[in-house]
Amino acid sequence: IPERRHARAGLIAANAYALGVFTVAMARRLNADLGVSPA
């Protein structure tokens, strides 16, 4: 996104979504006793 303010808002939303999905994936791994995935 070229415009700074809109890019910042988009990056906040996209990184928050990514963080949520990655956290749920890690929680599932830990719940299934697969251990922590370094990546």
Full PDB file with SEQRES, HELIX, SHEET, SSBOND, CRYST1, ORIGX, SCALE, CONECT and MASTER records, all heavy atoms in Angstrom:
SEQRES   1 A   39  ILE PRO GLU ARG ARG HIS ALA ARG ALA GLY LEU ILE ALA          
SEQRES   2 A   39  ALA ASN ALA TYR ALA LEU GLY VAL PHE THR VAL ALA MET          
SEQRES   3 A   39  ALA ARG ARG LEU ASN ALA ASP LEU GLY VAL SER PRO ALA          
HELIX    1 AA1 ARG A    4  ASN A   31  1                                  28    
CRYST1    1.000    1.000    1.000  90.00  90.00  90.00 P 1           1          
ORIGX1      1.000000  0.000000  0.000000        0.00000                         
ORIGX2      0.000000  1.000000  0.000000        0.00000                         
ORIGX3      0.000000  0.000000  1.000000        0.00000                         
SCALE1      1.000000  0.000000  0.000000        0.00000                         
SCALE2      0.000000  1.000000  0.000000        0.00000                         
SCALE3      0.000000  0.000000  1.000000        0.00000                         
ATOM      1  N   ILE A   1       0.857  -1.189   0.000  1.00  0.00           N  
ATOM      2  CA  ILE A   1       0.000   0.000   0.000  1.00  0.00           C  
ATOM      3  C   ILE A   1       0.891   1.237   0.000  1.00  0.00           C  
ATOM      4  O   ILE A   1       1.734   1.407   0.893  1.00  0.00           O  
ATOM      5  CB  ILE A   1      -0.935   0.017   1.225  1.00  0.00           C  
ATOM      6  CG1 ILE A   1      -1.901  -1.168   1.165  1.00  0.00           C  
ATOM      7  CG2 ILE A   1      -1.698   1.336   1.313  1.00  0.00           C  
ATOM      8  CD1 ILE A   1      -2.726  -1.349   2.427  1.00  0.00           C  
ATOM      9  N   PRO A   2       0.721   2.125  -0.976  1.00  0.00           N  
ATOM     10  CA  PRO A   2       1.646   3.260  -1.088  1.00  0.00           C  
ATOM     11  C   PRO A   2       1.477   4.339  -0.008  1.00  0.00           C  
ATOM     12  O   PRO A   2       2.457   4.927   0.432  1.00  0.00           O  
ATOM     13  CB  PRO A   2       1.368   3.822  -2.476  1.00  0.00           C  
ATOM     14  CG  PRO A   2       0.043   3.305  -2.873  1.00  0.00           C  
ATOM     15  CD  PRO A   2      -0.195   2.052  -2.095  1.00  0.00           C  
ATOM     16  N   GLU A   3       0.255   4.622   0.408  1.00  0.00           N  
ATOM     17  CA  GLU A   3       0.018   5.712   1.362  1.00  0.00           C  
ATOM     18  C   GLU A   3       0.363   5.233   2.775  1.00  0.00           C  
ATOM     19  O   GLU A   3      -0.091   4.187   3.214  1.00  0.00           O  
ATOM     20  CB  GLU A   3      -1.445   6.150   1.272  1.00  0.00           C  
ATOM     21  CG  GLU A   3      -1.693   7.586   1.682  1.00  0.00           C  
ATOM     22  CD  GLU A   3      -1.787   7.741   3.181  1.00  0.00           C  
ATOM     23  OE1 GLU A   3      -2.475   6.941   3.815  1.00  0.00           O  
ATOM     24  OE2 GLU A   3      -1.156   8.662   3.707  1.00  0.00           O  
ATOM     25  N   ARG A   4       1.192   5.990   3.479  1.00  0.00           N  
ATOM     26  CA  ARG A   4       1.756   5.568   4.765  1.00  0.00           C  
ATOM     27  C   ARG A   4       0.734   5.224   5.842  1.00  0.00           C  
ATOM     28  O   ARG A   4       0.852   4.203   6.512  1.00  0.00           O  
ATOM     29  CB  ARG A   4       2.662   6.680   5.296  1.00  0.00           C  
ATOM     30  CG  ARG A   4       4.091   6.324   5.324  1.00  0.00           C  
ATOM     31  CD  ARG A   4       4.858   7.497   5.925  1.00  0.00           C  
ATOM     32  NE  ARG A   4       5.460   7.119   7.166  1.00  0.00           N  
ATOM     33  CZ  ARG A   4       6.732   6.787   7.272  1.00  0.00           C  
ATOM     34  NH1 ARG A   4       7.499   6.788   6.224  1.00  0.00           N  
ATOM     35  NH2 ARG A   4       7.232   6.448   8.430  1.00  0.00           N  
ATOM     36  N   ARG A   5      -0.242   6.093   6.033  1.00  0.00           N  
ATOM     37  CA  ARG A   5      -1.224   5.843   7.103  1.00  0.00           C  
ATOM     38  C   ARG A   5      -2.041   4.592   6.838  1.00  0.00           C  
ATOM     39  O   ARG A   5      -2.296   3.804   7.739  1.00  0.00           O  
ATOM     40  CB  ARG A   5      -2.156   7.044   7.273  1.00  0.00           C  
ATOM     41  CG  ARG A   5      -1.503   8.219   7.980  1.00  0.00           C  
ATOM     42  CD  ARG A   5      -2.458   9.368   8.115  1.00  0.00           C  
ATOM     43  NE  ARG A   5      -2.860   9.792   6.777  1.00  0.00           N  
ATOM     44  CZ  ARG A   5      -4.029  10.305   6.469  1.00  0.00           C  
ATOM     45  NH1 ARG A   5      -4.929  10.475   7.390  1.00  0.00           N  
ATOM     46  NH2 ARG A   5      -4.313  10.672   5.234  1.00  0.00           N  
ATOM     47  N   HIS A   6      -2.444   4.418   5.588  1.00  0.00           N  
ATOM     48  CA  HIS A   6      -3.230   3.238   5.241  1.00  0.00           C  
ATOM     49  C   HIS A   6      -2.371   1.972   5.294  1.00  0.00           C  
ATOM     50  O   HIS A   6      -2.847   0.912   5.707  1.00  0.00           O  
ATOM     51  CB  HIS A   6      -3.864   3.401   3.856  1.00  0.00           C  
ATOM     52  CG  HIS A   6      -4.816   4.546   3.774  1.00  0.00           C  
ATOM     53  ND1 HIS A   6      -5.961   4.626   4.538  1.00  0.00           N  
ATOM     54  CD2 HIS A   6      -4.791   5.671   3.028  1.00  0.00           C  
ATOM     55  CE1 HIS A   6      -6.605   5.751   4.264  1.00  0.00           C  
ATOM     56  NE2 HIS A   6      -5.907   6.405   3.350  1.00  0.00           N  
ATOM     57  N   ALA A   7      -1.118   2.108   4.897  1.00  0.00           N  
ATOM     58  CA  ALA A   7      -0.202   0.966   4.970  1.00  0.00           C  
ATOM     59  C   ALA A   7      -0.006   0.542   6.427  1.00  0.00           C  
ATOM     60  O   ALA A   7      -0.011  -0.656   6.736  1.00  0.00           O  
ATOM     61  CB  ALA A   7       1.129   1.307   4.335  1.00  0.00           C  
ATOM     62  N   ARG A   8       0.147   1.517   7.320  1.00  0.00           N  
ATOM     63  CA  ARG A   8       0.329   1.211   8.741  1.00  0.00           C  
ATOM     64  C   ARG A   8      -0.878   0.471   9.291  1.00  0.00           C  
ATOM     65  O   ARG A   8      -0.746  -0.540   9.976  1.00  0.00           O  
ATOM     66  CB  ARG A   8       0.571   2.501   9.530  1.00  0.00           C  
ATOM     67  CG  ARG A   8       0.767   2.291  11.007  1.00  0.00           C  
ATOM     68  CD  ARG A   8       1.071   3.624  11.715  1.00  0.00           C  
ATOM     69  NE  ARG A   8       1.161   3.434  13.128  1.00  0.00           N  
ATOM     70  CZ  ARG A   8       0.123   3.547  13.976  1.00  0.00           C  
ATOM     71  NH1 ARG A   8      -1.058   3.878  13.524  1.00  0.00           N  
ATOM     72  NH2 ARG A   8       0.296   3.344  15.268  1.00  0.00           N  
ATOM     73  N   ALA A   9      -2.072   0.962   8.961  1.00  0.00           N  
ATOM     74  CA  ALA A   9      -3.293   0.304   9.429  1.00  0.00           C  
ATOM     75  C   ALA A   9      -3.407  -1.111   8.856  1.00  0.00           C  
ATOM     76  O   ALA A   9      -3.771  -2.054   9.568  1.00  0.00           O  
ATOM     77  CB  ALA A   9      -4.514   1.135   9.040  1.00  0.00           C  
ATOM     78  N   GLY A  10      -3.091  -1.258   7.580  1.00  0.00           N  
ATOM     79  CA  GLY A  10      -3.137  -2.576   6.963  1.00  0.00           C  
ATOM     80  C   GLY A  10      -2.124  -3.532   7.557  1.00  0.00           C  
ATOM     81  O   GLY A  10      -2.413  -4.710   7.776  1.00  0.00           O  
ATOM     82  N   LEU A  11      -0.920  -3.026   7.826  1.00  0.00           N  
ATOM     83  CA  LEU A  11       0.112  -3.865   8.430  1.00  0.00           C  
ATOM     84  C   LEU A  11      -0.247  -4.268   9.855  1.00  0.00           C  
ATOM     85  O   LEU A  11       0.038  -5.395  10.280  1.00  0.00           O  
ATOM     86  CB  LEU A  11       1.461  -3.138   8.403  1.00  0.00           C  
ATOM     87  CG  LEU A  11       2.131  -3.064   7.042  1.00  0.00           C  
ATOM     88  CD1 LEU A  11       3.289  -2.071   7.071  1.00  0.00           C  
ATOM     89  CD2 LEU A  11       2.606  -4.428   6.593  1.00  0.00           C  
ATOM     90  N   ILE A  12      -0.867  -3.358  10.599  1.00  0.00           N  
ATOM     91  CA  ILE A  12      -1.312  -3.712  11.958  1.00  0.00           C  
ATOM     92  C   ILE A  12      -2.338  -4.831  11.885  1.00  0.00           C  
ATOM     93  O   ILE A  12      -2.243  -5.838  12.602  1.00  0.00           O  
ATOM     94  CB  ILE A  12      -1.881  -2.481  12.693  1.00  0.00           C  
ATOM     95  CG1 ILE A  12      -0.745  -1.521  13.070  1.00  0.00           C  
ATOM     96  CG2 ILE A  12      -2.667  -2.896  13.942  1.00  0.00           C  
ATOM     97  CD1 ILE A  12      -1.216  -0.182  13.610  1.00  0.00           C  
ATOM     98  N   ALA A  13      -3.326  -4.695  11.010  1.00  0.00           N  
ATOM     99  CA  ALA A  13      -4.366  -5.720  10.886  1.00  0.00           C  
ATOM    100  C   ALA A  13      -3.788  -7.047  10.403  1.00  0.00           C  
ATOM    101  O   ALA A  13      -4.107  -8.114  10.945  1.00  0.00           O  
ATOM    102  CB  ALA A  13      -5.458  -5.235   9.932  1.00  0.00           C  
ATOM    103  N   ALA A  14      -2.923  -6.996   9.388  1.00  0.00           N  
ATOM    104  CA  ALA A  14      -2.362  -8.227   8.825  1.00  0.00           C  
ATOM    105  C   ALA A  14      -1.442  -8.934   9.824  1.00  0.00           C  
ATOM    106  O   ALA A  14      -1.496 -10.162   9.965  1.00  0.00           O  
ATOM    107  CB  ALA A  14      -1.607  -7.907   7.539  1.00  0.00           C  
ATOM    108  N   ASN A  15      -0.607  -8.171  10.528  1.00  0.00           N  
ATOM    109  CA  ASN A  15       0.277  -8.789  11.519  1.00  0.00           C  
ATOM    110  C   ASN A  15      -0.501  -9.328  12.716  1.00  0.00           C  
ATOM    111  O   ASN A  15      -0.143 -10.360  13.274  1.00  0.00           O  
ATOM    112  CB  ASN A  15       1.352  -7.802  11.974  1.00  0.00           C  
ATOM    113  CG  ASN A  15       2.526  -7.763  11.034  1.00  0.00           C  
ATOM    114  OD1 ASN A  15       3.239  -8.743  10.900  1.00  0.00           O  
ATOM    115  ND2 ASN A  15       2.721  -6.649  10.369  1.00  0.00           N  
ATOM    116  N   ALA A  16      -1.578  -8.653  13.100  1.00  0.00           N  
ATOM    117  CA  ALA A  16      -2.415  -9.156  14.193  1.00  0.00           C  
ATOM    118  C   ALA A  16      -3.089 -10.466  13.785  1.00  0.00           C  
ATOM    119  O   ALA A  16      -3.144 -11.426  14.569  1.00  0.00           O  
ATOM    120  CB  ALA A  16      -3.463  -8.120  14.574  1.00  0.00           C  
ATOM    121  N   TYR A  17      -3.589 -10.528  12.556  1.00  0.00           N  
ATOM    122  CA  TYR A  17      -4.193 -11.758  12.045  1.00  0.00           C  
ATOM    123  C   TYR A  17      -3.156 -12.881  12.006  1.00  0.00           C  
ATOM    124  O   TYR A  17      -3.415 -14.003  12.460  1.00  0.00           O  
ATOM    125  CB  TYR A  17      -4.789 -11.515  10.660  1.00  0.00           C  
ATOM    126  CG  TYR A  17      -5.349 -12.756  10.014  1.00  0.00           C  
ATOM    127  CD1 TYR A  17      -6.508 -13.336  10.490  1.00  0.00           C  
ATOM    128  CD2 TYR A  17      -4.715 -13.339   8.931  1.00  0.00           C  
ATOM    129  CE1 TYR A  17      -7.022 -14.480   9.918  1.00  0.00           C  
ATOM    130  CE2 TYR A  17      -5.220 -14.482   8.345  1.00  0.00           C  
ATOM    131  CZ  TYR A  17      -6.378 -15.059   8.833  1.00  0.00           C  
ATOM    132  OH  TYR A  17      -6.868 -16.185   8.265  1.00  0.00           O  
ATOM    133  N   ALA A  18      -1.964 -12.572  11.478  1.00  0.00           N  
ATOM    134  CA  ALA A  18      -0.900 -13.575  11.402  1.00  0.00           C  
ATOM    135  C   ALA A  18      -0.521 -14.069  12.793  1.00  0.00           C  
ATOM    136  O   ALA A  18      -0.374 -15.279  13.014  1.00  0.00           O  
ATOM    137  CB  ALA A  18       0.318 -12.992  10.696  1.00  0.00           C  
ATOM    138  N   LEU A  19      -0.364 -13.152  13.728  1.00  0.00           N  
ATOM    139  CA  LEU A  19      -0.004 -13.528  15.093  1.00  0.00           C  
ATOM    140  C   LEU A  19      -1.065 -14.437  15.702  1.00  0.00           C  
ATOM    141  O   LEU A  19      -0.743 -15.438  16.358  1.00  0.00           O  
ATOM    142  CB  LEU A  19       0.197 -12.278  15.949  1.00  0.00           C  
ATOM    143  CG  LEU A  19       0.657 -12.500  17.385  1.00  0.00           C  
ATOM    144  CD1 LEU A  19       2.004 -13.206  17.412  1.00  0.00           C  
ATOM    145  CD2 LEU A  19       0.748 -11.170  18.116  1.00  0.00           C  
ATOM    146  N   GLY A  20      -2.320 -14.130  15.451  1.00  0.00           N  
ATOM    147  CA  GLY A  20      -3.404 -14.972  15.970  1.00  0.00           C  
ATOM    148  C   GLY A  20      -3.389 -16.373  15.383  1.00  0.00           C  
ATOM    149  O   GLY A  20      -3.495 -17.367  16.112  1.00  0.00           O  
ATOM    150  N   VAL A  21      -3.233 -16.475  14.082  1.00  0.00           N  
ATOM    151  CA  VAL A  21      -3.209 -17.786  13.431  1.00  0.00           C  
ATOM    152  C   VAL A  21      -1.986 -18.587  13.875  1.00  0.00           C  
ATOM    153  O   VAL A  21      -2.092 -19.780  14.188  1.00  0.00           O  
ATOM    154  CB  VAL A  21      -3.241 -17.641  11.894  1.00  0.00           C  
ATOM    155  CG1 VAL A  21      -3.006 -18.984  11.207  1.00  0.00           C  
ATOM    156  CG2 VAL A  21      -4.569 -17.060  11.443  1.00  0.00           C  
ATOM    157  N   PHE A  22      -0.827 -17.944  13.921  1.00  0.00           N  
ATOM    158  CA  PHE A  22       0.384 -18.642  14.342  1.00  0.00           C  
ATOM    159  C   PHE A  22       0.280 -19.115  15.790  1.00  0.00           C  
ATOM    160  O   PHE A  22       0.755 -20.196  16.138  1.00  0.00           O  
ATOM    161  CB  PHE A  22       1.613 -17.747  14.177  1.00  0.00           C  
ATOM    162  CG  PHE A  22       1.958 -17.408  12.753  1.00  0.00           C  
ATOM    163  CD1 PHE A  22       2.553 -16.202  12.451  1.00  0.00           C  
ATOM    164  CD2 PHE A  22       1.687 -18.281  11.718  1.00  0.00           C  
ATOM    165  CE1 PHE A  22       2.892 -15.877  11.144  1.00  0.00           C  
ATOM    166  CE2 PHE A  22       2.018 -17.969  10.406  1.00  0.00           C  
ATOM    167  CZ  PHE A  22       2.627 -16.762  10.116  1.00  0.00           C  
ATOM    168  N   THR A  23      -0.329 -18.305  16.637  1.00  0.00           N  
ATOM    169  CA  THR A  23      -0.487 -18.681  18.041  1.00  0.00           C  
ATOM    170  C   THR A  23      -1.429 -19.867  18.193  1.00  0.00           C  
ATOM    171  O   THR A  23      -1.162 -20.783  18.980  1.00  0.00           O  
ATOM    172  CB  THR A  23      -0.996 -17.474  18.862  1.00  0.00           C  
ATOM    173  OG1 THR A  23      -0.088 -16.390  18.695  1.00  0.00           O  
ATOM    174  CG2 THR A  23      -1.114 -17.807  20.332  1.00  0.00           C  
ATOM    175  N   VAL A  24      -2.516 -19.882  17.443  1.00  0.00           N  
ATOM    176  CA  VAL A  24      -3.436 -21.023  17.475  1.00  0.00           C  
ATOM    177  C   VAL A  24      -2.738 -22.284  16.964  1.00  0.00           C  
ATOM    178  O   VAL A  24      -2.904 -23.368  17.522  1.00  0.00           O  
ATOM    179  CB  VAL A  24      -4.720 -20.723  16.656  1.00  0.00           C  
ATOM    180  CG1 VAL A  24      -5.553 -21.964  16.464  1.00  0.00           C  
ATOM    181  CG2 VAL A  24      -5.530 -19.639  17.336  1.00  0.00           C  
ATOM    182  N   ALA A  25      -1.939 -22.142  15.914  1.00  0.00           N  
ATOM    183  CA  ALA A  25      -1.195 -23.291  15.391  1.00  0.00           C  
ATOM    184  C   ALA A  25      -0.226 -23.838  16.438  1.00  0.00           C  
ATOM    185  O   ALA A  25      -0.115 -25.063  16.615  1.00  0.00           O  
ATOM    186  CB  ALA A  25      -0.438 -22.898  14.119  1.00  0.00           C  
ATOM    187  N   MET A  26       0.463 -22.944  17.146  1.00  0.00           N  
ATOM    188  CA  MET A  26       1.382 -23.390  18.190  1.00  0.00           C  
ATOM    189  C   MET A  26       0.624 -24.055  19.338  1.00  0.00           C  
ATOM    190  O   MET A  26       1.055 -25.087  19.854  1.00  0.00           O  
ATOM    191  CB  MET A  26       2.210 -22.219  18.715  1.00  0.00           C  
ATOM    192  CG  MET A  26       3.231 -22.607  19.768  1.00  0.00           C  
ATOM    193  SD  MET A  26       4.542 -23.673  19.159  1.00  0.00           S  
ATOM    194  CE  MET A  26       5.662 -22.454  18.529  1.00  0.00           C  
ATOM    195  N   ALA A  27      -0.511 -23.491  19.699  1.00  0.00           N  
ATOM    196  CA  ALA A  27      -1.318 -24.085  20.770  1.00  0.00           C  
ATOM    197  C   ALA A  27      -1.780 -25.492  20.385  1.00  0.00           C  
ATOM    198  O   ALA A  27      -1.778 -26.402  21.217  1.00  0.00           O  
ATOM    199  CB  ALA A  27      -2.517 -23.198  21.071  1.00  0.00           C  
ATOM    200  N   ARG A  28      -2.167 -25.663  19.139  1.00  0.00           N  
ATOM    201  CA  ARG A  28      -2.566 -27.004  18.677  1.00  0.00           C  
ATOM    202  C   ARG A  28      -1.409 -27.986  18.743  1.00  0.00           C  
ATOM    203  O   ARG A  28      -1.581 -29.143  19.113  1.00  0.00           O  
ATOM    204  CB  ARG A  28      -3.090 -26.934  17.251  1.00  0.00           C  
ATOM    205  CG  ARG A  28      -4.519 -26.570  17.166  1.00  0.00           C  
ATOM    206  CD  ARG A  28      -4.982 -26.888  15.782  1.00  0.00           C  
ATOM    207  NE  ARG A  28      -6.414 -26.926  15.745  1.00  0.00           N  
ATOM    208  CZ  ARG A  28      -7.089 -27.176  14.664  1.00  0.00           C  
ATOM    209  NH1 ARG A  28      -6.465 -27.436  13.533  1.00  0.00           N  
ATOM    210  NH2 ARG A  28      -8.389 -27.190  14.682  1.00  0.00           N  
ATOM    211  N   ARG A  29      -0.217 -27.534  18.345  1.00  0.00           N  
ATOM    212  CA  ARG A  29       0.961 -28.411  18.410  1.00  0.00           C  
ATOM    213  C   ARG A  29       1.246 -28.817  19.852  1.00  0.00           C  
ATOM    214  O   ARG A  29       1.526 -29.979  20.135  1.00  0.00           O  
ATOM    215  CB  ARG A  29       2.194 -27.706  17.846  1.00  0.00           C  
ATOM    216  CG  ARG A  29       2.245 -27.633  16.351  1.00  0.00           C  
ATOM    217  CD  ARG A  29       3.583 -27.067  15.890  1.00  0.00           C  
ATOM    218  NE  ARG A  29       4.713 -27.842  16.344  1.00  0.00           N  
ATOM    219  CZ  ARG A  29       5.196 -28.929  15.739  1.00  0.00           C  
ATOM    220  NH1 ARG A  29       4.618 -29.368  14.648  1.00  0.00           N  
ATOM    221  NH2 ARG A  29       6.241 -29.567  16.222  1.00  0.00           N  
ATOM    222  N   LEU A  30       1.179 -27.852  20.755  1.00  0.00           N  
ATOM    223  CA  LEU A  30       1.473 -28.151  22.148  1.00  0.00           C  
ATOM    224  C   LEU A  30       0.397 -29.036  22.766  1.00  0.00           C  
ATOM    225  O   LEU A  30       0.697 -29.901  23.589  1.00  0.00           O  
ATOM    226  CB  LEU A  30       1.628 -26.852  22.939  1.00  0.00           C  
ATOM    227  CG  LEU A  30       2.838 -25.997  22.550  1.00  0.00           C  
ATOM    228  CD1 LEU A  30       2.810 -24.680  23.294  1.00  0.00           C  
ATOM    229  CD2 LEU A  30       4.132 -26.748  22.794  1.00  0.00           C  
ATOM    230  N   ASN A  31      -0.850 -28.822  22.354  1.00  0.00           N  
ATOM    231  CA  ASN A  31      -1.953 -29.646  22.864  1.00  0.00           C  
ATOM    232  C   ASN A  31      -1.821 -31.093  22.396  1.00  0.00           C  
ATOM    233  O   ASN A  31      -2.203 -32.014  23.107  1.00  0.00           O  
ATOM    234  CB  ASN A  31      -3.296 -29.062  22.419  1.00  0.00           C  
ATOM    235  CG  ASN A  31      -4.463 -29.684  23.141  1.00  0.00           C  
ATOM    236  OD1 ASN A  31      -4.356 -30.017  24.318  1.00  0.00           O  
ATOM    237  ND2 ASN A  31      -5.559 -29.847  22.438  1.00  0.00           N  
ATOM    238  N   ALA A  32      -1.275 -31.299  21.208  1.00  0.00           N  
ATOM    239  CA  ALA A  32      -1.096 -32.642  20.665  1.00  0.00           C  
ATOM    240  C   ALA A  32       0.253 -33.248  21.076  1.00  0.00           C  
ATOM    241  O   ALA A  32       0.645 -34.294  20.553  1.00  0.00           O  
ATOM    242  CB  ALA A  32      -1.205 -32.600  19.142  1.00  0.00           C  
ATOM    243  N   ASP A  33       0.959 -32.607  22.001  1.00  0.00           N  
ATOM    244  CA  ASP A  33       2.265 -33.062  22.489  1.00  0.00           C  
ATOM    245  C   ASP A  33       3.286 -33.238  21.370  1.00  0.00           C  
ATOM    246  O   ASP A  33       4.109 -34.148  21.386  1.00  0.00           O  
ATOM    247  CB  ASP A  33       2.126 -34.377  23.271  1.00  0.00           C  
ATOM    248  CG  ASP A  33       1.402 -34.191  24.588  1.00  0.00           C  
ATOM    249  OD1 ASP A  33       1.524 -33.093  25.169  1.00  0.00           O  
ATOM    250  OD2 ASP A  33       0.711 -35.128  25.027  1.00  0.00           O  
ATOM    251  N   LEU A  34       3.249 -32.327  20.377  1.00  0.00           N  
ATOM    252  CA  LEU A  34       4.220 -32.360  19.288  1.00  0.00           C  
ATOM    253  C   LEU A  34       5.433 -31.496  19.582  1.00  0.00           C  
ATOM    254  O   LEU A  34       6.395 -31.493  18.829  1.00  0.00           O  
ATOM    255  CB  LEU A  34       3.561 -31.903  17.981  1.00  0.00           C  
ATOM    256  CG  LEU A  34       2.438 -32.795  17.470  1.00  0.00           C  
ATOM    257  CD1 LEU A  34       1.790 -32.166  16.244  1.00  0.00           C  
ATOM    258  CD2 LEU A  34       2.957 -34.183  17.157  1.00  0.00           C  
ATOM    259  N   GLY A  35       5.377 -30.735  20.645  1.00  0.00           N  
ATOM    260  CA  GLY A  35       6.503 -29.881  21.010  1.00  0.00           C  
ATOM    261  C   GLY A  35       6.479 -28.543  20.290  1.00  0.00           C  
ATOM    262  O   GLY A  35       5.634 -28.282  19.444  1.00  0.00           O  
ATOM    263  N   VAL A  36       7.438 -27.723  20.630  1.00  0.00           N  
ATOM    264  CA  VAL A  36       7.533 -26.388  20.059  1.00  0.00           C  
ATOM    265  C   VAL A  36       8.218 -26.470  18.699  1.00  0.00           C  
ATOM    266  O   VAL A  36       9.264 -27.083  18.559  1.00  0.00           O  
ATOM    267  CB  VAL A  36       8.327 -25.459  21.003  1.00  0.00           C  
ATOM    268  CG1 VAL A  36       8.570 -24.113  20.362  1.00  0.00           C  
ATOM    269  CG2 VAL A  36       7.600 -25.302  22.326  1.00  0.00           C  
ATOM    270  N   SER A  37       7.613 -25.842  17.709  1.00  0.00           N  
ATOM    271  CA  SER A  37       8.213 -25.746  16.389  1.00  0.00           C  
ATOM    272  C   SER A  37       9.079 -24.492  16.355  1.00  0.00           C  
ATOM    273  O   SER A  37       8.562 -23.383  16.496  1.00  0.00           O  
ATOM    274  CB  SER A  37       7.128 -25.657  15.322  1.00  0.00           C  
ATOM    275  OG  SER A  37       7.672 -25.259  14.096  1.00  0.00           O  
ATOM    276  N   PRO A  38      10.397 -24.638  16.160  1.00  0.00           N  
ATOM    277  CA  PRO A  38      11.267 -23.455  16.146  1.00  0.00           C  
ATOM    278  C   PRO A  38      10.884 -22.445  15.057  1.00  0.00           C  
ATOM    279  O   PRO A  38      10.903 -21.246  15.297  1.00  0.00           O  
ATOM    280  CB  PRO A  38      12.661 -24.032  15.890  1.00  0.00           C  
ATOM    281  CG  PRO A  38      12.576 -25.454  16.326  1.00  0.00           C  
ATOM    282  CD  PRO A  38      11.167 -25.879  16.058  1.00  0.00           C  
ATOM    283  N   ALA A  39      10.528 -22.931  13.875  1.00  0.00           N  
ATOM    284  CA  ALA A  39      10.153 -22.016  12.789  1.00  0.00           C  
ATOM    285  C   ALA A  39       8.884 -21.246  13.146  1.00  0.00           C  
ATOM    286  O   ALA A  39       8.782 -20.043  12.896  1.00  0.00           O  
ATOM    287  CB  ALA A  39       9.952 -22.791  11.492  1.00  0.00           C  
TER     288      ALA A  39                                                      
MASTER        0    0    0    1    0    0    0    6  287    1    0    3          
END                                                                             
